[in-house]
């Protein structure tokens, strides 16, 4: 586990109050599928809503945190237990536009930040390296928590958001009350990334290799090419999600961030070992390369129609979660789980919070 006093010096952020330990949750706790809290009472059932019920957030805010001015949406009571919802690529906060009010209605304070390079989030200095290696993104969220005086939170995410939440749960478990992670354990080991995947899996990652070329970089910098590429990804990784043009355009507005292309290109090149990270993050990356276990209460979600879902119903990453745990597979759902299946996603958050 990373010492919180030492990481703040590297990240350039302040410390908050010390968090309580999650010690005492064993590796063999009961699964949450029965939806019952530890005292035997049923956990609340989230009311079903159709995807696309909501199209916008009521409250958008900004806060200086670490090296960023972070834009974020917020819903729910100001003093409720906090849920941080973290989006992926090529998505934005609108992935949680239906999830947030569902959780707010259950009494949660829901915070949905734009990740670096997205939407209204901006770097404070033009001299800051436009770095999107995994530990840098995770430290952004720690900085956000400190800026908002959030000692502990439930973390829920998909894609880049799952990776970020996994990292925080692994390195700073004292900041995490529970974890909902789509696609399970996504912490990147750059050395292991050098090994080929099965051809079908490599095919699904076509854009990762495109971004490794100069053509791919130029496409991301061109607004028209970027728009078409991201729309193609939406169509292919969510084959059963019948979203309309307006839904995509609301998210595509977040891609006009001046640092978007640089952040996306660096993220995918760094994962393949084709771009350097920064020295100040080396200490975290060395720990993450060991594939550290996650001991906080966790629900992992696999989407049946997501081309990135690993075979085996979560078996490939089960040993990385040593605390209270449950796994769920969503039939007929693609990659953008919270926007395609908001009720199931929100229910997982409530369950991981209340059922252990």
Protein backbone atom coordinates (compact mmCIF):
# COMPACT_ATOMS: atom_id res chain seq x y z
CA UNK A 1 0.00 0.00 0.00
CA UNK A 2 1.26 3.49 -0.85
CA UNK A 3 1.77 5.87 2.04
CA UNK A 4 -0.53 8.86 1.54
CA UNK A 5 1.98 11.27 3.09
CA UNK A 6 4.58 10.46 0.43
CA UNK A 7 2.39 10.42 -2.66
CA UNK A 8 1.14 13.98 -2.19
CA UNK A 9 4.64 15.36 -2.55
CA UNK A 10 5.04 13.71 -5.96
CA UNK A 11 1.58 14.69 -7.17
CA UNK A 12 1.66 18.25 -5.89
CA UNK A 13 -1.53 17.97 -3.83
CA UNK A 14 -2.48 18.46 -0.21
CA UNK A 15 -3.48 15.85 2.33
CA UNK A 16 -6.83 15.48 4.03
CA UNK A 17 -7.95 13.83 7.24
CA UNK A 18 -6.82 10.28 7.92
CA UNK A 19 -9.31 7.64 6.86
CA UNK A 20 -10.52 4.68 8.86
CA UNK A 21 -9.19 1.25 7.95
CA UNK A 22 -11.27 -1.38 6.18
CA UNK A 23 -9.55 -4.14 8.14
CA UNK A 24 -11.83 -6.91 9.29
CA UNK A 25 -13.47 -7.72 5.97
CA UNK A 26 -12.32 -11.22 5.23
CA UNK A 27 -11.59 -12.90 1.94
CA UNK A 28 -14.55 -15.27 2.29
CA UNK A 29 -17.40 -12.87 3.01
CA UNK A 30 -20.81 -13.71 1.62
CA UNK A 31 -21.65 -12.59 -1.91
CA UNK A 32 -24.15 -9.77 -2.36
CA UNK A 33 -26.47 -11.46 -4.81
CA UNK A 34 -29.06 -11.99 -2.09
CA UNK A 35 -29.18 -8.18 -1.62
CA UNK A 36 -29.05 -8.37 2.16
CA UNK A 37 -27.10 -6.20 4.56
CA UNK A 38 -24.95 -7.71 7.29
CA UNK A 39 -27.78 -7.28 9.80
CA UNK A 40 -30.07 -9.41 7.63
CA UNK A 41 -32.26 -6.58 6.32
CA UNK A 42 -32.79 -6.35 2.55
CA UNK A 43 -30.81 -3.71 0.73
CA UNK A 44 -32.90 -1.19 -1.20
CA UNK A 45 -34.03 -2.11 -4.68
CA UNK A 46 -33.20 0.58 -7.20
CA UNK A 47 -36.28 1.40 -9.31
CA UNK A 48 -35.94 0.46 -12.95
CA UNK A 49 -35.43 3.24 -15.49
CA UNK A 50 -35.04 3.00 -19.24
CA UNK A 51 -31.65 4.04 -20.64
CA UNK A 52 -31.87 7.59 -21.92
CA UNK A 53 -34.48 8.71 -19.40
CA UNK A 54 -32.28 11.68 -18.52
CA UNK A 55 -30.18 13.75 -20.92
CA UNK A 56 -28.35 16.19 -18.64
CA UNK A 57 -27.15 16.88 -15.11
CA UNK A 58 -28.76 19.48 -12.90
CA UNK A 59 -25.51 20.66 -11.31
CA UNK A 60 -22.10 21.15 -12.98
CA UNK A 61 -19.17 22.45 -10.95
CA UNK A 62 -15.40 23.00 -11.09
CA UNK A 63 -12.66 22.73 -8.50
CA UNK A 64 -8.90 23.09 -8.49
CA UNK A 65 -7.34 19.75 -7.60
CA UNK A 66 -3.69 18.83 -8.01
CA UNK A 67 -2.50 19.83 -11.49
CA UNK A 68 -6.04 20.29 -12.81
CA UNK A 69 -9.12 22.43 -12.68
CA UNK A 70 -11.62 19.55 -12.69
CA UNK A 71 -15.10 19.86 -14.10
CA UNK A 72 -17.66 17.55 -12.55
CA UNK A 73 -21.35 16.86 -12.16
CA UNK A 74 -22.89 16.43 -8.73
CA UNK A 75 -26.22 15.05 -7.54
CA UNK A 76 -27.79 14.09 -4.25
CA UNK A 77 -27.54 15.38 -0.66
CA UNK A 78 -24.37 17.28 0.18
CA UNK A 79 -23.71 15.20 3.29
CA UNK A 80 -24.68 11.79 1.93
CA UNK A 81 -22.20 8.93 1.52
CA UNK A 82 -20.13 9.70 -1.56
CA UNK A 83 -20.08 7.75 -4.81
CA UNK A 84 -17.45 8.69 -7.39
CA UNK A 85 -18.47 7.58 -10.89
CA UNK A 86 -15.58 7.38 -13.36
CA UNK A 87 -16.03 7.28 -17.13
CA UNK A 88 -13.92 5.71 -19.86
CA UNK A 89 -12.92 6.37 -23.48
CA UNK A 90 -14.49 7.49 -25.78
CA UNK A 91 -17.09 8.58 -23.27
CA UNK A 92 -17.70 11.28 -20.66
CA UNK A 93 -19.84 12.07 -17.65
CA UNK A 94 -23.04 11.38 -19.63
CA UNK A 95 -22.37 7.66 -19.19
CA UNK A 96 -23.80 8.23 -15.70
CA UNK A 97 -26.63 10.60 -16.58
CA UNK A 98 -29.26 8.02 -15.55
CA UNK A 99 -27.20 6.40 -12.79
CA UNK A 100 -26.60 9.61 -10.82
CA UNK A 101 -30.27 10.43 -10.06
CA UNK A 102 -30.94 6.79 -9.14
CA UNK A 103 -28.17 6.91 -6.55
CA UNK A 104 -29.10 10.40 -5.40
CA UNK A 105 -32.62 9.13 -4.68
CA UNK A 106 -31.04 6.52 -2.39
CA UNK A 107 -29.34 9.28 -0.38
CA UNK A 108 -25.90 9.26 -2.00
CA UNK A 109 -23.85 12.28 -2.91
CA UNK A 110 -22.80 11.43 -6.48
CA UNK A 111 -19.74 13.06 -8.00
CA UNK A 112 -18.99 12.45 -11.70
CA UNK A 113 -15.74 14.09 -12.88
CA UNK A 114 -14.46 14.66 -16.37
CA UNK A 115 -11.11 12.85 -16.54
CA UNK A 116 -8.05 14.83 -17.62
CA UNK A 117 -8.32 15.91 -21.23
CA UNK A 118 -12.12 15.65 -21.26
CA UNK A 119 -14.95 18.14 -21.12
CA UNK A 120 -14.43 21.15 -18.85
CA UNK A 121 -11.41 19.71 -17.03
CA UNK A 122 -8.28 21.77 -17.74
CA UNK A 123 -4.61 21.67 -16.81
CA UNK A 124 -3.62 24.60 -14.60
CA UNK A 125 -0.29 25.06 -16.38
CA UNK A 126 0.73 24.87 -20.02
CA UNK A 127 4.03 23.40 -18.79
CA UNK A 128 2.44 20.29 -17.27
CA UNK A 129 3.17 17.17 -19.31
CA UNK A 130 0.01 15.90 -21.02
CA UNK A 131 0.52 12.51 -19.45
CA UNK A 132 -2.23 9.89 -19.27
CA UNK A 133 -0.39 6.99 -17.66
CA UNK A 134 -2.60 5.11 -15.24
CA UNK A 135 -1.15 6.35 -11.94
CA UNK A 136 -1.38 10.00 -13.04
CA UNK A 137 -5.10 9.63 -13.73
CA UNK A 138 -5.63 7.86 -10.40
CA UNK A 139 -3.83 10.63 -8.54
CA UNK A 140 -6.16 13.16 -10.19
CA UNK A 141 -9.07 11.46 -8.44
CA UNK A 142 -7.25 11.39 -5.09
CA UNK A 143 -6.59 15.11 -5.57
CA UNK A 144 -10.28 15.66 -6.34
CA UNK A 145 -11.29 13.82 -3.18
CA UNK A 146 -8.93 15.97 -1.13
CA UNK A 147 -10.14 19.19 -2.78
CA UNK A 148 -13.76 18.28 -2.02
CA UNK A 149 -12.81 17.07 1.50
CA UNK A 150 -14.04 13.55 0.70
CA UNK A 151 -12.26 11.19 3.09
CA UNK A 152 -13.74 7.97 1.72
CA UNK A 153 -16.00 7.09 -1.17
CA UNK A 154 -17.55 4.28 -3.11
CA UNK A 155 -15.80 4.05 -6.48
CA UNK A 156 -17.68 2.88 -9.57
CA UNK A 157 -16.38 2.91 -13.11
CA UNK A 158 -15.87 1.33 -16.49
CA UNK A 159 -13.02 1.32 -19.02
CA UNK A 160 -10.47 3.99 -17.96
CA UNK A 161 -12.73 4.55 -14.96
CA UNK A 162 -12.49 0.92 -13.83
CA UNK A 163 -8.71 1.02 -14.11
CA UNK A 164 -8.57 4.24 -12.12
CA UNK A 165 -10.89 2.91 -9.42
CA UNK A 166 -8.96 -0.37 -9.23
CA UNK A 167 -5.68 1.50 -8.72
CA UNK A 168 -7.06 3.65 -5.93
CA UNK A 169 -8.57 0.59 -4.23
CA UNK A 170 -5.23 -1.24 -4.48
CA UNK A 171 -2.89 1.59 -3.42
CA UNK A 172 -5.09 3.66 -1.10
CA UNK A 173 -7.76 1.28 0.28
CA UNK A 174 -8.28 3.58 3.27
CA UNK A 175 -9.97 6.01 0.86
CA UNK A 176 -12.42 3.42 -0.52
CA UNK A 177 -15.65 2.12 1.02
CA UNK A 178 -16.40 -0.23 -1.86
CA UNK A 179 -15.71 -0.81 -5.54
CA UNK A 180 -17.84 -1.52 -8.62
CA UNK A 181 -15.53 -2.38 -11.50
CA UNK A 182 -16.78 -3.18 -14.98
CA UNK A 183 -14.48 -5.71 -16.69
CA UNK A 184 -12.93 -6.59 -13.36
CA UNK A 185 -9.23 -6.05 -12.74
CA UNK A 186 -7.82 -3.60 -15.29
CA UNK A 187 -4.56 -2.45 -13.73
CA UNK A 188 -1.98 -2.34 -16.52
CA UNK A 189 1.35 -4.14 -16.44
CA UNK A 190 3.23 -2.54 -19.35
CA UNK A 191 5.70 -5.42 -19.59
CA UNK A 192 2.91 -7.99 -19.81
CA UNK A 193 1.26 -5.87 -22.52
CA UNK A 194 4.10 -6.84 -24.85
CA UNK A 195 2.72 -10.38 -25.12
CA UNK A 196 0.25 -11.03 -27.98
CA UNK A 197 -3.41 -11.59 -27.22
CA UNK A 198 -5.62 -14.09 -29.08
CA UNK A 199 -6.40 -12.74 -32.58
CA UNK A 200 -10.02 -11.94 -31.79
CA UNK A 201 -8.96 -9.82 -28.82
CA UNK A 202 -6.29 -8.06 -30.86
CA UNK A 203 -8.92 -7.26 -33.51
CA UNK A 204 -11.11 -5.51 -30.93
CA UNK A 205 -8.17 -3.25 -30.02
CA UNK A 206 -7.68 -1.91 -33.57
CA UNK A 207 -7.74 1.74 -32.50
CA UNK A 208 -4.99 1.18 -29.94
CA UNK A 209 -2.63 0.24 -32.75
CA UNK A 210 -3.95 3.04 -34.97
CA UNK A 211 -3.06 5.51 -32.22
CA UNK A 212 0.48 4.17 -32.26
CA UNK A 213 0.92 5.65 -35.74
CA UNK A 214 1.27 9.23 -36.91
CA UNK A 215 -1.94 8.79 -38.92
CA UNK A 216 -3.81 7.90 -35.75
CA UNK A 217 -2.48 10.95 -33.93
CA UNK A 218 -3.49 13.23 -36.78
CA UNK A 219 -6.96 11.67 -36.86
CA UNK A 220 -7.47 12.41 -33.18
CA UNK A 221 -6.36 16.01 -33.66
CA UNK A 222 -8.81 16.56 -36.53
CA UNK A 223 -12.31 17.22 -35.19
CA UNK A 224 -14.13 15.52 -38.08
CA UNK A 225 -11.92 12.43 -38.10
CA UNK A 226 -12.03 12.20 -34.30
CA UNK A 227 -15.82 12.42 -34.31
CA UNK A 228 -16.17 9.62 -36.87
CA UNK A 229 -13.63 7.38 -35.15
CA UNK A 230 -15.26 7.70 -31.73
CA UNK A 231 -18.72 7.08 -33.20
CA UNK A 232 -17.40 3.90 -34.85
CA UNK A 233 -16.08 2.69 -31.50
CA UNK A 234 -19.47 3.32 -29.90
CA UNK A 235 -21.21 1.33 -32.62
CA UNK A 236 -18.86 -1.64 -32.50
CA UNK A 237 -18.39 -2.10 -28.75
CA UNK A 238 -22.09 -1.65 -27.89
CA UNK A 239 -23.82 -3.62 -30.68
CA UNK A 240 -27.18 -3.89 -28.91
CA UNK A 241 -27.42 -0.30 -27.64
CA UNK A 242 -29.78 1.68 -29.88
CA UNK A 243 -28.67 5.19 -29.00
CA UNK A 244 -29.63 8.18 -31.13
CA UNK A 245 -27.41 10.84 -32.67
CA UNK A 246 -28.22 13.34 -29.93
CA UNK A 247 -26.95 10.95 -27.25
CA UNK A 248 -23.59 10.62 -28.98
CA UNK A 249 -23.32 14.36 -29.67
CA UNK A 250 -23.82 15.24 -26.01
CA UNK A 251 -20.76 13.17 -25.17
CA UNK A 252 -18.79 14.17 -28.28
CA UNK A 253 -18.78 17.75 -27.03
CA UNK A 254 -16.35 16.59 -24.32
CA UNK A 255 -13.86 15.56 -27.02
CA UNK A 256 -13.32 19.21 -27.99
CA UNK A 257 -11.11 19.72 -24.93
CA UNK A 258 -7.80 21.22 -26.16
CA UNK A 259 -5.82 18.39 -24.55
CA UNK A 260 -8.08 15.55 -25.63
CA UNK A 261 -5.97 14.22 -28.50
CA UNK A 262 -2.72 14.41 -26.54
CA UNK A 263 -4.20 12.60 -23.53
CA UNK A 264 -5.83 9.82 -25.56
CA UNK A 265 -2.77 9.20 -27.72
CA UNK A 266 -0.42 9.15 -24.73
CA UNK A 267 -2.65 6.77 -22.78
CA UNK A 268 -2.71 4.11 -25.47
CA UNK A 269 0.93 4.51 -26.49
CA UNK A 270 2.06 4.35 -22.87
CA UNK A 271 0.16 1.10 -22.31
CA UNK A 272 2.07 -0.51 -25.17
CA UNK A 273 5.41 0.79 -23.96
CA UNK A 274 5.65 3.23 -26.89
CA UNK A 275 5.56 6.43 -24.82
CA UNK A 276 7.39 7.32 -21.63
CA UNK A 277 5.72 8.14 -18.36
CA UNK A 278 7.06 10.61 -15.80
CA UNK A 279 9.63 9.78 -13.16
CA UNK A 280 7.50 11.12 -10.36
CA UNK A 281 5.03 8.30 -10.97
CA UNK A 282 7.63 5.51 -11.08
CA UNK A 283 7.05 4.46 -7.48
CA UNK A 284 3.38 3.80 -8.15
CA UNK A 285 3.94 2.05 -11.46
CA UNK A 286 6.45 -0.33 -9.85
CA UNK A 287 3.82 -1.40 -7.35
CA UNK A 288 1.10 -1.64 -9.99
CA UNK A 289 3.33 -3.84 -12.18
CA UNK A 290 3.17 -6.49 -9.41
CA UNK A 291 -0.62 -6.72 -9.93
CA UNK A 292 -1.47 -5.86 -6.31
CA UNK A 293 -4.56 -7.45 -4.83
CA UNK A 294 -7.66 -5.42 -3.97
CA UNK A 295 -9.10 -6.06 -0.53
CA UNK A 296 -12.03 -3.64 -0.38
CA UNK A 297 -15.60 -4.93 -0.90
CA UNK A 298 -16.04 -5.34 -4.64
CA UNK A 299 -18.61 -6.19 -7.26
CA UNK A 300 -17.22 -6.86 -10.72
CA UNK A 301 -19.43 -6.67 -13.80
CA UNK A 302 -18.95 -8.30 -17.17
CA UNK A 303 -21.03 -7.19 -20.15
CA UNK A 304 -21.97 -10.10 -22.39
CA UNK A 305 -21.82 -8.15 -25.66
CA UNK A 306 -18.66 -6.19 -24.85
CA UNK A 307 -15.87 -7.39 -27.18
CA UNK A 308 -13.35 -6.73 -24.41
CA UNK A 309 -15.03 -9.02 -21.87
CA UNK A 310 -12.66 -11.85 -21.04
CA UNK A 311 -13.98 -15.42 -21.21
CA UNK A 312 -14.55 -17.38 -18.03
CA UNK A 313 -17.17 -15.30 -16.21
CA UNK A 314 -14.61 -13.35 -14.23
CA UNK A 315 -12.34 -16.30 -13.49
CA UNK A 316 -9.31 -14.66 -15.11
CA UNK A 317 -9.14 -11.94 -12.46
CA UNK A 318 -10.92 -13.49 -9.46
CA UNK A 319 -7.69 -14.00 -7.51
CA UNK A 320 -6.97 -10.24 -7.58
CA UNK A 321 -9.92 -9.53 -5.25
CA UNK A 322 -9.32 -10.81 -1.72
CA UNK A 323 -12.12 -9.05 0.17
CA UNK A 324 -15.89 -9.43 0.15
CA UNK A 325 -16.80 -10.05 -3.47
CA UNK A 326 -19.52 -10.72 -6.01
CA UNK A 327 -19.48 -11.02 -9.80
CA UNK A 328 -22.31 -10.25 -12.22
CA UNK A 329 -22.71 -10.76 -15.95
CA UNK A 330 -25.19 -8.53 -17.78
CA UNK A 331 -26.85 -10.31 -20.67
CA UNK A 332 -27.22 -8.37 -23.92
CA UNK A 333 -25.24 -5.36 -22.69
CA UNK A 334 -22.18 -3.81 -24.36
CA UNK A 335 -19.18 -1.82 -23.22
CA UNK A 336 -20.82 1.35 -21.88
CA UNK A 337 -22.47 -0.45 -18.98
CA UNK A 338 -23.74 2.47 -16.86
CA UNK A 339 -25.44 4.15 -19.81
CA UNK A 340 -26.77 0.94 -21.34
CA UNK A 341 -27.88 -0.64 -18.05
CA UNK A 342 -28.20 2.19 -15.50
CA UNK A 343 -30.46 0.32 -13.10
CA UNK A 344 -28.15 -2.71 -12.86
CA UNK A 345 -25.12 -0.47 -12.41
CA UNK A 346 -26.76 1.64 -9.70
CA UNK A 347 -27.98 -1.50 -7.94
CA UNK A 348 -24.43 -2.83 -7.84
CA UNK A 349 -23.29 0.36 -6.11
CA UNK A 350 -26.05 0.13 -3.51
CA UNK A 351 -25.37 -3.56 -2.97
CA UNK A 352 -21.63 -3.24 -2.50
CA UNK A 353 -22.23 -0.47 0.02
CA UNK A 354 -25.03 -2.13 1.99
CA UNK A 355 -24.68 -5.87 1.70
CA UNK A 356 -21.32 -6.58 3.33
